[in-house]
C-alpha cells in the first residue's frame, strides 16, 4: 500500500515538474515573440503598438530583469524620438539600475546628456563610460581637426 502511494506521489510530482518546466518554456517563447513584435513596431514608427507589445512581454514574464532593462532602454529611445529628453533620461537610468553595465543604455544616456545637459556634463559622462575597458569600443579612429592655414598678409 505504501509503495503504491509513494509511486503515485512520485508520478504526480514528475508530471507537475514537467508541466511547470514546459510552461516556463512556453512563457519564455511568448515573451520573446511579444518583445520582437514590439521592436518591429518601434522600428516601423508605431510607438503606441510597440509599447503595447512591450507591456505584453512584461505581463507574460514579469520577473525577468532582462526584459525590464531592454524595454526601459527601448522606451527611453521612444521618449527621445518624441523630444521628451527628461523621461528618456529617466528610462535609461532605470535600465542602468537593473544592470549598471548595460552598455547600450549607457551610450543612449550619453546621447541624451549631450542634447539635454551642458557640454562639460556630457564629456564627464563619456569619460566615465569609456573608462570601462571591457566595454570600450575597439578600433576607433580619432579624427583630429587641422588648424586653419595662416592667412598671408
N, C-alpha and C. Protein backbone atom coordinates (compact mmCIF):
# COMPACT_ATOMS: atom_id res chain seq x y z
N UNK A 1 0.81 -1.19 0.00
CA UNK A 1 0.00 0.00 0.00
C UNK A 1 0.86 1.26 0.00
N UNK A 2 1.88 1.27 0.87
CA UNK A 2 2.78 2.42 0.94
C UNK A 2 3.51 2.61 -0.38
N UNK A 3 3.91 1.52 -1.01
CA UNK A 3 4.65 1.60 -2.28
C UNK A 3 3.78 2.20 -3.38
N UNK A 4 2.48 1.85 -3.39
CA UNK A 4 1.58 2.41 -4.39
C UNK A 4 1.41 3.92 -4.18
N UNK A 5 1.27 4.33 -2.93
CA UNK A 5 1.13 5.76 -2.64
C UNK A 5 2.41 6.51 -2.99
N UNK A 6 3.54 5.93 -2.66
CA UNK A 6 4.82 6.57 -2.98
C UNK A 6 4.99 6.68 -4.49
N UNK A 7 4.64 5.62 -5.21
CA UNK A 7 4.73 5.64 -6.67
C UNK A 7 3.80 6.69 -7.26
N UNK A 8 2.56 6.75 -6.75
CA UNK A 8 1.59 7.72 -7.21
C UNK A 8 2.07 9.15 -6.93
N UNK A 9 2.59 9.37 -5.74
CA UNK A 9 3.10 10.68 -5.37
C UNK A 9 4.27 11.08 -6.27
N UNK A 10 5.19 10.18 -6.50
CA UNK A 10 6.34 10.44 -7.35
C UNK A 10 5.89 10.73 -8.78
N UNK A 11 4.94 9.98 -9.28
CA UNK A 11 4.42 10.20 -10.63
C UNK A 11 3.77 11.57 -10.75
N UNK A 12 2.95 11.93 -9.78
CA UNK A 12 2.31 13.25 -9.80
C UNK A 12 3.35 14.36 -9.72
N UNK A 13 4.35 14.18 -8.87
CA UNK A 13 5.41 15.18 -8.74
C UNK A 13 6.14 15.37 -10.06
N UNK A 14 6.48 14.28 -10.73
CA UNK A 14 7.19 14.37 -12.01
C UNK A 14 6.33 15.03 -13.08
N UNK A 15 5.04 14.71 -13.09
CA UNK A 15 4.14 15.34 -14.06
C UNK A 15 4.03 16.85 -13.81
N UNK A 16 3.88 17.23 -12.56
CA UNK A 16 3.81 18.66 -12.24
C UNK A 16 5.11 19.37 -12.59
N UNK A 17 6.24 18.76 -12.27
CA UNK A 17 7.54 19.36 -12.58
C UNK A 17 7.71 19.50 -14.08
N UNK A 18 7.33 18.48 -14.84
CA UNK A 18 7.44 18.53 -16.30
C UNK A 18 6.54 19.63 -16.86
N UNK A 19 5.31 19.69 -16.39
CA UNK A 19 4.37 20.72 -16.86
C UNK A 19 4.87 22.11 -16.50
N UNK A 20 5.44 22.28 -15.30
CA UNK A 20 5.97 23.57 -14.89
C UNK A 20 7.13 23.97 -15.80
N UNK A 21 8.04 23.03 -16.07
CA UNK A 21 9.18 23.32 -16.95
C UNK A 21 8.70 23.66 -18.35
N UNK A 22 7.75 22.90 -18.84
CA UNK A 22 7.20 23.15 -20.18
C UNK A 22 6.48 24.49 -20.22
N UNK A 23 5.79 24.82 -19.14
CA UNK A 23 5.09 26.10 -19.04
C UNK A 23 6.07 27.26 -19.07
N UNK A 24 7.20 27.14 -18.39
CA UNK A 24 8.22 28.18 -18.41
C UNK A 24 8.76 28.38 -19.82
N UNK A 25 8.93 27.29 -20.53
CA UNK A 25 9.43 27.35 -21.90
C UNK A 25 8.43 28.09 -22.80
N UNK A 26 7.14 27.79 -22.62
CA UNK A 26 6.12 28.48 -23.41
C UNK A 26 6.06 29.97 -23.08
N UNK A 27 6.18 30.29 -21.79
CA UNK A 27 6.17 31.69 -21.37
C UNK A 27 7.35 32.43 -21.99
N UNK A 28 8.52 31.82 -21.94
CA UNK A 28 9.71 32.46 -22.49
C UNK A 28 9.55 32.70 -23.99
N UNK A 29 9.00 31.73 -24.72
CA UNK A 29 8.80 31.89 -26.15
C UNK A 29 7.80 32.99 -26.45
N UNK A 30 6.71 33.03 -25.68
CA UNK A 30 5.69 34.05 -25.88
C UNK A 30 6.26 35.45 -25.60
N UNK A 31 7.08 35.56 -24.55
CA UNK A 31 7.70 36.84 -24.21
C UNK A 31 8.63 37.29 -25.33
N UNK A 32 9.41 36.38 -25.88
CA UNK A 32 10.30 36.71 -26.99
C UNK A 32 9.49 37.20 -28.18
N UNK A 33 8.41 36.50 -28.48
CA UNK A 33 7.57 36.90 -29.61
C UNK A 33 7.00 38.30 -29.43
N UNK A 34 6.46 38.58 -28.24
CA UNK A 34 5.91 39.92 -27.98
C UNK A 34 6.99 40.98 -28.07
N UNK A 35 8.15 40.69 -27.48
CA UNK A 35 9.23 41.67 -27.50
C UNK A 35 9.67 41.97 -28.94
N UNK A 36 9.85 40.92 -29.73
CA UNK A 36 10.27 41.10 -31.12
C UNK A 36 9.22 41.87 -31.93
N UNK A 37 7.94 41.63 -31.66
CA UNK A 37 6.89 42.39 -32.33
C UNK A 37 6.95 43.86 -31.91
N UNK A 38 7.28 44.10 -30.65
CA UNK A 38 7.44 45.47 -30.17
C UNK A 38 8.58 46.18 -30.86
N UNK A 39 9.71 45.49 -31.02
CA UNK A 39 10.87 46.08 -31.71
C UNK A 39 10.50 46.37 -33.16
N UNK A 40 9.81 45.44 -33.80
CA UNK A 40 9.40 45.64 -35.19
C UNK A 40 8.48 46.86 -35.32
N UNK A 41 7.52 46.98 -34.40
CA UNK A 41 6.61 48.13 -34.43
C UNK A 41 7.37 49.43 -34.17
N UNK A 42 8.32 49.39 -33.23
CA UNK A 42 9.10 50.57 -32.93
C UNK A 42 9.94 50.99 -34.13
N UNK A 43 10.57 50.04 -34.78
CA UNK A 43 11.37 50.34 -35.97
C UNK A 43 10.49 50.86 -37.10
N UNK A 44 9.23 50.44 -37.13
CA UNK A 44 8.30 50.91 -38.13
C UNK A 44 7.65 52.24 -37.79
N UNK A 45 7.96 52.78 -36.62
CA UNK A 45 7.44 54.08 -36.24
C UNK A 45 6.14 54.05 -35.48
N UNK A 46 5.58 52.86 -35.23
CA UNK A 46 4.32 52.78 -34.49
C UNK A 46 4.64 52.59 -33.01
N UNK A 47 4.89 53.70 -32.33
CA UNK A 47 5.35 53.65 -30.95
C UNK A 47 4.27 53.17 -29.99
N UNK A 48 3.01 53.47 -30.30
CA UNK A 48 1.92 53.02 -29.45
C UNK A 48 1.81 51.49 -29.48
N UNK A 49 1.88 50.93 -30.68
CA UNK A 49 1.82 49.47 -30.81
C UNK A 49 3.05 48.83 -30.17
N UNK A 50 4.20 49.46 -30.33
CA UNK A 50 5.42 48.93 -29.72
C UNK A 50 5.27 48.85 -28.21
N UNK A 51 4.76 49.92 -27.62
CA UNK A 51 4.59 49.93 -26.17
C UNK A 51 3.59 48.88 -25.72
N UNK A 52 2.55 48.65 -26.51
CA UNK A 52 1.58 47.59 -26.18
C UNK A 52 2.26 46.22 -26.14
N UNK A 53 3.09 45.94 -27.14
CA UNK A 53 3.80 44.65 -27.15
C UNK A 53 4.79 44.55 -26.00
N UNK A 54 5.45 45.66 -25.66
CA UNK A 54 6.38 45.63 -24.52
C UNK A 54 5.62 45.35 -23.22
N UNK A 55 4.44 45.94 -23.08
CA UNK A 55 3.63 45.68 -21.88
C UNK A 55 3.22 44.21 -21.83
N UNK A 56 2.87 43.64 -22.98
CA UNK A 56 2.50 42.21 -23.02
C UNK A 56 3.69 41.35 -22.62
N UNK A 57 4.89 41.73 -23.05
CA UNK A 57 6.09 40.98 -22.68
C UNK A 57 6.22 40.94 -21.16
N UNK A 58 6.03 42.09 -20.53
CA UNK A 58 6.17 42.15 -19.07
C UNK A 58 5.03 41.46 -18.34
N UNK A 59 3.85 41.41 -18.95
CA UNK A 59 2.73 40.69 -18.34
C UNK A 59 3.01 39.19 -18.36
N UNK A 60 3.53 38.71 -19.49
CA UNK A 60 3.80 37.28 -19.65
C UNK A 60 4.96 36.83 -18.76
N UNK A 61 6.00 37.66 -18.65
CA UNK A 61 7.21 37.29 -17.91
C UNK A 61 7.62 38.46 -17.00
N UNK A 62 6.84 38.74 -15.96
CA UNK A 62 7.03 39.96 -15.17
C UNK A 62 8.29 40.02 -14.32
N UNK A 63 8.87 38.90 -14.00
CA UNK A 63 10.03 38.90 -13.10
C UNK A 63 11.37 38.81 -13.83
N UNK A 64 11.34 38.88 -15.14
CA UNK A 64 12.55 38.76 -15.93
C UNK A 64 13.21 40.14 -16.04
N UNK A 65 14.33 40.32 -15.34
CA UNK A 65 15.02 41.61 -15.33
C UNK A 65 15.62 41.97 -16.69
N UNK A 66 15.96 40.96 -17.48
CA UNK A 66 16.49 41.26 -18.82
C UNK A 66 15.45 41.96 -19.67
N UNK A 67 14.20 41.46 -19.63
CA UNK A 67 13.13 42.13 -20.38
C UNK A 67 12.95 43.55 -19.88
N UNK A 68 12.96 43.69 -18.57
CA UNK A 68 12.72 45.01 -17.99
C UNK A 68 13.76 46.02 -18.46
N UNK A 69 15.05 45.64 -18.43
CA UNK A 69 16.07 46.60 -18.83
C UNK A 69 16.01 46.89 -20.33
N UNK A 70 15.75 45.87 -21.14
CA UNK A 70 15.66 46.08 -22.59
C UNK A 70 14.48 46.99 -22.93
N UNK A 71 13.36 46.76 -22.28
CA UNK A 71 12.16 47.55 -22.57
C UNK A 71 12.34 48.99 -22.07
N UNK A 72 12.96 49.17 -20.90
CA UNK A 72 13.23 50.52 -20.43
C UNK A 72 14.13 51.27 -21.41
N UNK A 73 15.13 50.58 -21.92
CA UNK A 73 16.02 51.20 -22.91
C UNK A 73 15.22 51.60 -24.16
N UNK A 74 14.39 50.70 -24.65
CA UNK A 74 13.61 50.99 -25.85
C UNK A 74 12.60 52.12 -25.61
N UNK A 75 12.01 52.13 -24.43
CA UNK A 75 11.10 53.23 -24.10
C UNK A 75 11.85 54.55 -24.03
N UNK A 76 13.07 54.51 -23.51
CA UNK A 76 13.90 55.71 -23.48
C UNK A 76 14.13 56.25 -24.88
N UNK A 77 14.36 55.35 -25.82
CA UNK A 77 14.54 55.77 -27.22
C UNK A 77 13.25 56.38 -27.75
N UNK A 78 12.12 55.78 -27.42
CA UNK A 78 10.83 56.33 -27.88
C UNK A 78 10.61 57.73 -27.31
N UNK A 79 10.92 57.91 -26.03
CA UNK A 79 10.78 59.25 -25.43
C UNK A 79 11.70 60.25 -26.16
N UNK A 80 12.94 59.84 -26.39
CA UNK A 80 13.89 60.74 -27.05
C UNK A 80 13.43 61.10 -28.45
N UNK A 81 12.88 60.13 -29.16
CA UNK A 81 12.39 60.40 -30.52
C UNK A 81 11.22 61.37 -30.52
N UNK A 82 10.45 61.40 -29.44
CA UNK A 82 9.32 62.33 -29.30
C UNK A 82 9.78 63.69 -28.79
N UNK A 83 11.07 63.78 -28.42
CA UNK A 83 11.60 65.02 -27.89
C UNK A 83 11.48 65.16 -26.39
N UNK A 84 11.04 64.10 -25.70
CA UNK A 84 10.89 64.11 -24.25
C UNK A 84 12.18 63.58 -23.62
N UNK A 85 13.20 64.44 -23.59
CA UNK A 85 14.52 64.01 -23.13
C UNK A 85 14.56 63.75 -21.63
N UNK A 86 13.71 64.43 -20.87
CA UNK A 86 13.67 64.20 -19.42
C UNK A 86 13.25 62.77 -19.12
N UNK A 87 12.15 62.31 -19.73
CA UNK A 87 11.70 60.93 -19.49
C UNK A 87 12.63 59.91 -20.14
N UNK A 88 13.28 60.29 -21.23
CA UNK A 88 14.27 59.39 -21.84
C UNK A 88 15.41 59.15 -20.85
N UNK A 89 15.89 60.22 -20.24
CA UNK A 89 16.96 60.10 -19.25
C UNK A 89 16.53 59.23 -18.07
N UNK A 90 15.30 59.42 -17.62
CA UNK A 90 14.78 58.61 -16.51
C UNK A 90 14.74 57.13 -16.90
N UNK A 91 14.26 56.83 -18.09
CA UNK A 91 14.16 55.43 -18.54
C UNK A 91 15.54 54.78 -18.64
N UNK A 92 16.51 55.50 -19.22
CA UNK A 92 17.85 54.92 -19.34
C UNK A 92 18.47 54.70 -17.96
N UNK A 93 18.25 55.63 -17.04
CA UNK A 93 18.78 55.46 -15.68
C UNK A 93 18.12 54.28 -14.98
N UNK A 94 16.81 54.08 -15.21
CA UNK A 94 16.12 52.92 -14.62
C UNK A 94 16.71 51.62 -15.17
N UNK A 95 17.00 51.59 -16.46
CA UNK A 95 17.62 50.39 -17.05
C UNK A 95 18.98 50.14 -16.42
N UNK A 96 19.72 51.22 -16.15
CA UNK A 96 21.05 51.08 -15.55
C UNK A 96 20.98 50.69 -14.07
N UNK A 97 19.86 50.97 -13.41
CA UNK A 97 19.69 50.49 -12.04
C UNK A 97 19.56 48.97 -12.03
N UNK A 98 18.93 48.44 -13.05
CA UNK A 98 18.77 46.98 -13.15
C UNK A 98 20.11 46.33 -13.50
N UNK A 99 20.82 46.93 -14.45
CA UNK A 99 22.11 46.39 -14.88
C UNK A 99 23.07 47.56 -15.10
N UNK A 100 23.90 47.87 -14.10
CA UNK A 100 24.81 49.02 -14.20
C UNK A 100 25.82 48.92 -15.35
N UNK A 101 26.02 47.74 -15.90
CA UNK A 101 26.95 47.56 -17.01
C UNK A 101 26.27 47.41 -18.36
N UNK A 102 25.02 47.80 -18.45
CA UNK A 102 24.25 47.70 -19.70
C UNK A 102 24.74 48.80 -20.65
N UNK A 103 25.68 48.43 -21.51
CA UNK A 103 26.39 49.42 -22.33
C UNK A 103 25.46 50.16 -23.29
N UNK A 104 24.44 49.51 -23.80
CA UNK A 104 23.51 50.17 -24.72
C UNK A 104 22.81 51.34 -24.04
N UNK A 105 22.33 51.12 -22.82
CA UNK A 105 21.67 52.20 -22.07
C UNK A 105 22.68 53.28 -21.70
N UNK A 106 23.92 52.89 -21.39
CA UNK A 106 24.95 53.89 -21.09
C UNK A 106 25.17 54.82 -22.28
N UNK A 107 25.32 54.23 -23.45
CA UNK A 107 25.56 55.03 -24.65
C UNK A 107 24.35 55.91 -24.97
N UNK A 108 23.16 55.37 -24.84
CA UNK A 108 21.96 56.16 -25.10
C UNK A 108 21.82 57.31 -24.09
N UNK A 109 22.15 57.04 -22.84
CA UNK A 109 22.10 58.09 -21.83
C UNK A 109 23.12 59.19 -22.17
N UNK A 110 24.29 58.79 -22.66
CA UNK A 110 25.28 59.77 -23.07
C UNK A 110 24.77 60.67 -24.18
N UNK A 111 24.04 60.09 -25.13
CA UNK A 111 23.48 60.90 -26.21
C UNK A 111 22.44 61.88 -25.68
N UNK A 112 21.64 61.43 -24.71
CA UNK A 112 20.65 62.33 -24.10
C UNK A 112 21.37 63.44 -23.33
N UNK A 113 22.44 63.09 -22.61
CA UNK A 113 23.19 64.11 -21.89
C UNK A 113 23.73 65.16 -22.86
N UNK A 114 24.19 64.72 -24.02
CA UNK A 114 24.71 65.67 -25.00
C UNK A 114 23.64 66.65 -25.45
N UNK A 115 22.41 66.17 -25.58
CA UNK A 115 21.33 67.03 -26.04
C UNK A 115 20.72 67.86 -24.92
N UNK A 116 20.77 67.35 -23.69
CA UNK A 116 20.00 67.95 -22.60
C UNK A 116 20.83 68.72 -21.59
N UNK A 117 22.07 68.36 -21.44
CA UNK A 117 22.90 68.96 -20.39
C UNK A 117 24.01 69.80 -21.00
N UNK A 118 24.87 70.30 -20.13
CA UNK A 118 25.97 71.11 -20.62
C UNK A 118 27.02 70.22 -21.26
N UNK A 119 27.86 70.82 -22.07
CA UNK A 119 28.93 70.08 -22.75
C UNK A 119 29.86 69.42 -21.73
N UNK A 120 30.16 70.12 -20.63
CA UNK A 120 31.04 69.58 -19.61
C UNK A 120 30.44 68.34 -18.97
N UNK A 121 29.16 68.40 -18.60
CA UNK A 121 28.50 67.22 -18.01
C UNK A 121 28.52 66.05 -18.99
N UNK A 122 28.29 66.35 -20.25
CA UNK A 122 28.30 65.32 -21.27
C UNK A 122 29.69 64.69 -21.38
N UNK A 123 30.73 65.51 -21.41
CA UNK A 123 32.10 64.98 -21.53
C UNK A 123 32.49 64.17 -20.30
N UNK A 124 32.07 64.63 -19.12
CA UNK A 124 32.36 63.86 -17.90
C UNK A 124 31.69 62.49 -17.97
N UNK A 125 30.47 62.45 -18.49
CA UNK A 125 29.77 61.17 -18.60
C UNK A 125 30.48 60.26 -19.60
N UNK A 126 30.83 60.80 -20.78
CA UNK A 126 31.51 59.98 -21.79
C UNK A 126 32.83 59.44 -21.26
N UNK A 127 33.56 60.27 -20.50
CA UNK A 127 34.83 59.80 -19.91
C UNK A 127 34.58 58.64 -18.97
N UNK A 128 33.52 58.73 -18.19
CA UNK A 128 33.16 57.65 -17.27
C UNK A 128 32.80 56.38 -18.03
N UNK A 129 32.04 56.50 -19.10
CA UNK A 129 31.61 55.34 -19.87
C UNK A 129 32.81 54.63 -20.48
N UNK A 130 33.72 55.40 -21.05
CA UNK A 130 34.83 54.77 -21.77
C UNK A 130 35.97 54.33 -20.86
N UNK A 131 35.87 54.59 -19.55
CA UNK A 131 36.84 54.05 -18.61
C UNK A 131 36.62 52.55 -18.39
N UNK A 132 35.47 52.06 -18.75
CA UNK A 132 35.19 50.62 -18.61
C UNK A 132 35.88 49.89 -19.76
N UNK A 133 37.11 49.46 -19.53
CA UNK A 133 37.94 48.91 -20.60
C UNK A 133 37.27 47.79 -21.37
N UNK A 134 36.59 46.87 -20.66
CA UNK A 134 35.97 45.76 -21.36
C UNK A 134 34.78 46.20 -22.21
N UNK A 135 34.26 47.38 -21.95
CA UNK A 135 33.12 47.88 -22.72
C UNK A 135 33.55 48.89 -23.78
N UNK A 136 34.82 49.26 -23.78
CA UNK A 136 35.28 50.29 -24.71
C UNK A 136 35.24 49.76 -26.13
N UNK A 137 34.64 50.50 -27.04
CA UNK A 137 34.63 50.06 -28.44
C UNK A 137 36.05 49.95 -28.98
N UNK A 138 36.28 49.00 -29.82
CA UNK A 138 37.61 48.78 -30.42
C UNK A 138 37.70 49.49 -31.76
N UNK A 139 38.92 49.77 -32.16
CA UNK A 139 39.23 50.32 -33.49
C UNK A 139 38.61 51.68 -33.76
N UNK A 140 38.61 52.54 -32.77
CA UNK A 140 38.18 53.91 -33.02
C UNK A 140 39.26 54.61 -33.84
N UNK A 141 38.82 55.42 -34.74
CA UNK A 141 39.74 56.29 -35.47
C UNK A 141 39.41 57.70 -35.04
N UNK A 142 40.37 58.34 -34.40
CA UNK A 142 40.13 59.68 -33.91
C UNK A 142 40.53 60.67 -34.99
N UNK A 143 39.60 61.48 -35.41
CA UNK A 143 39.88 62.50 -36.43
C UNK A 143 40.31 63.77 -35.73
N UNK A 144 41.48 64.24 -36.07
CA UNK A 144 42.00 65.47 -35.49
C UNK A 144 41.81 66.57 -36.51
N UNK A 145 41.21 67.64 -36.07
CA UNK A 145 40.99 68.76 -36.97
C UNK A 145 42.27 69.56 -37.07
N UNK A 146 42.72 69.75 -38.29
CA UNK A 146 43.93 70.51 -38.54
C UNK A 146 43.65 71.99 -38.36
N UNK A 147 44.61 72.73 -37.78
CA UNK A 147 44.38 74.17 -37.65
C UNK A 147 44.31 74.81 -39.02
N UNK A 148 43.50 75.83 -39.12
CA UNK A 148 43.34 76.53 -40.40
C UNK A 148 44.68 77.13 -40.82
N UNK A 149 44.94 77.11 -42.12
CA UNK A 149 46.20 77.66 -42.61
C UNK A 149 46.25 79.16 -42.33
N UNK A 150 47.43 79.63 -41.98
CA UNK A 150 47.57 81.05 -41.68
C UNK A 150 47.40 81.86 -42.95
N UNK A 151 46.64 82.92 -42.84
CA UNK A 151 46.40 83.79 -43.99
C UNK A 151 47.63 84.63 -44.26
N UNK A 152 47.92 84.81 -45.55
CA UNK A 152 49.04 85.66 -45.93
C UNK A 152 48.63 87.10 -45.79
N UNK A 153 49.55 87.88 -45.27
CA UNK A 153 49.26 89.32 -45.07
C UNK A 153 49.70 90.12 -46.24
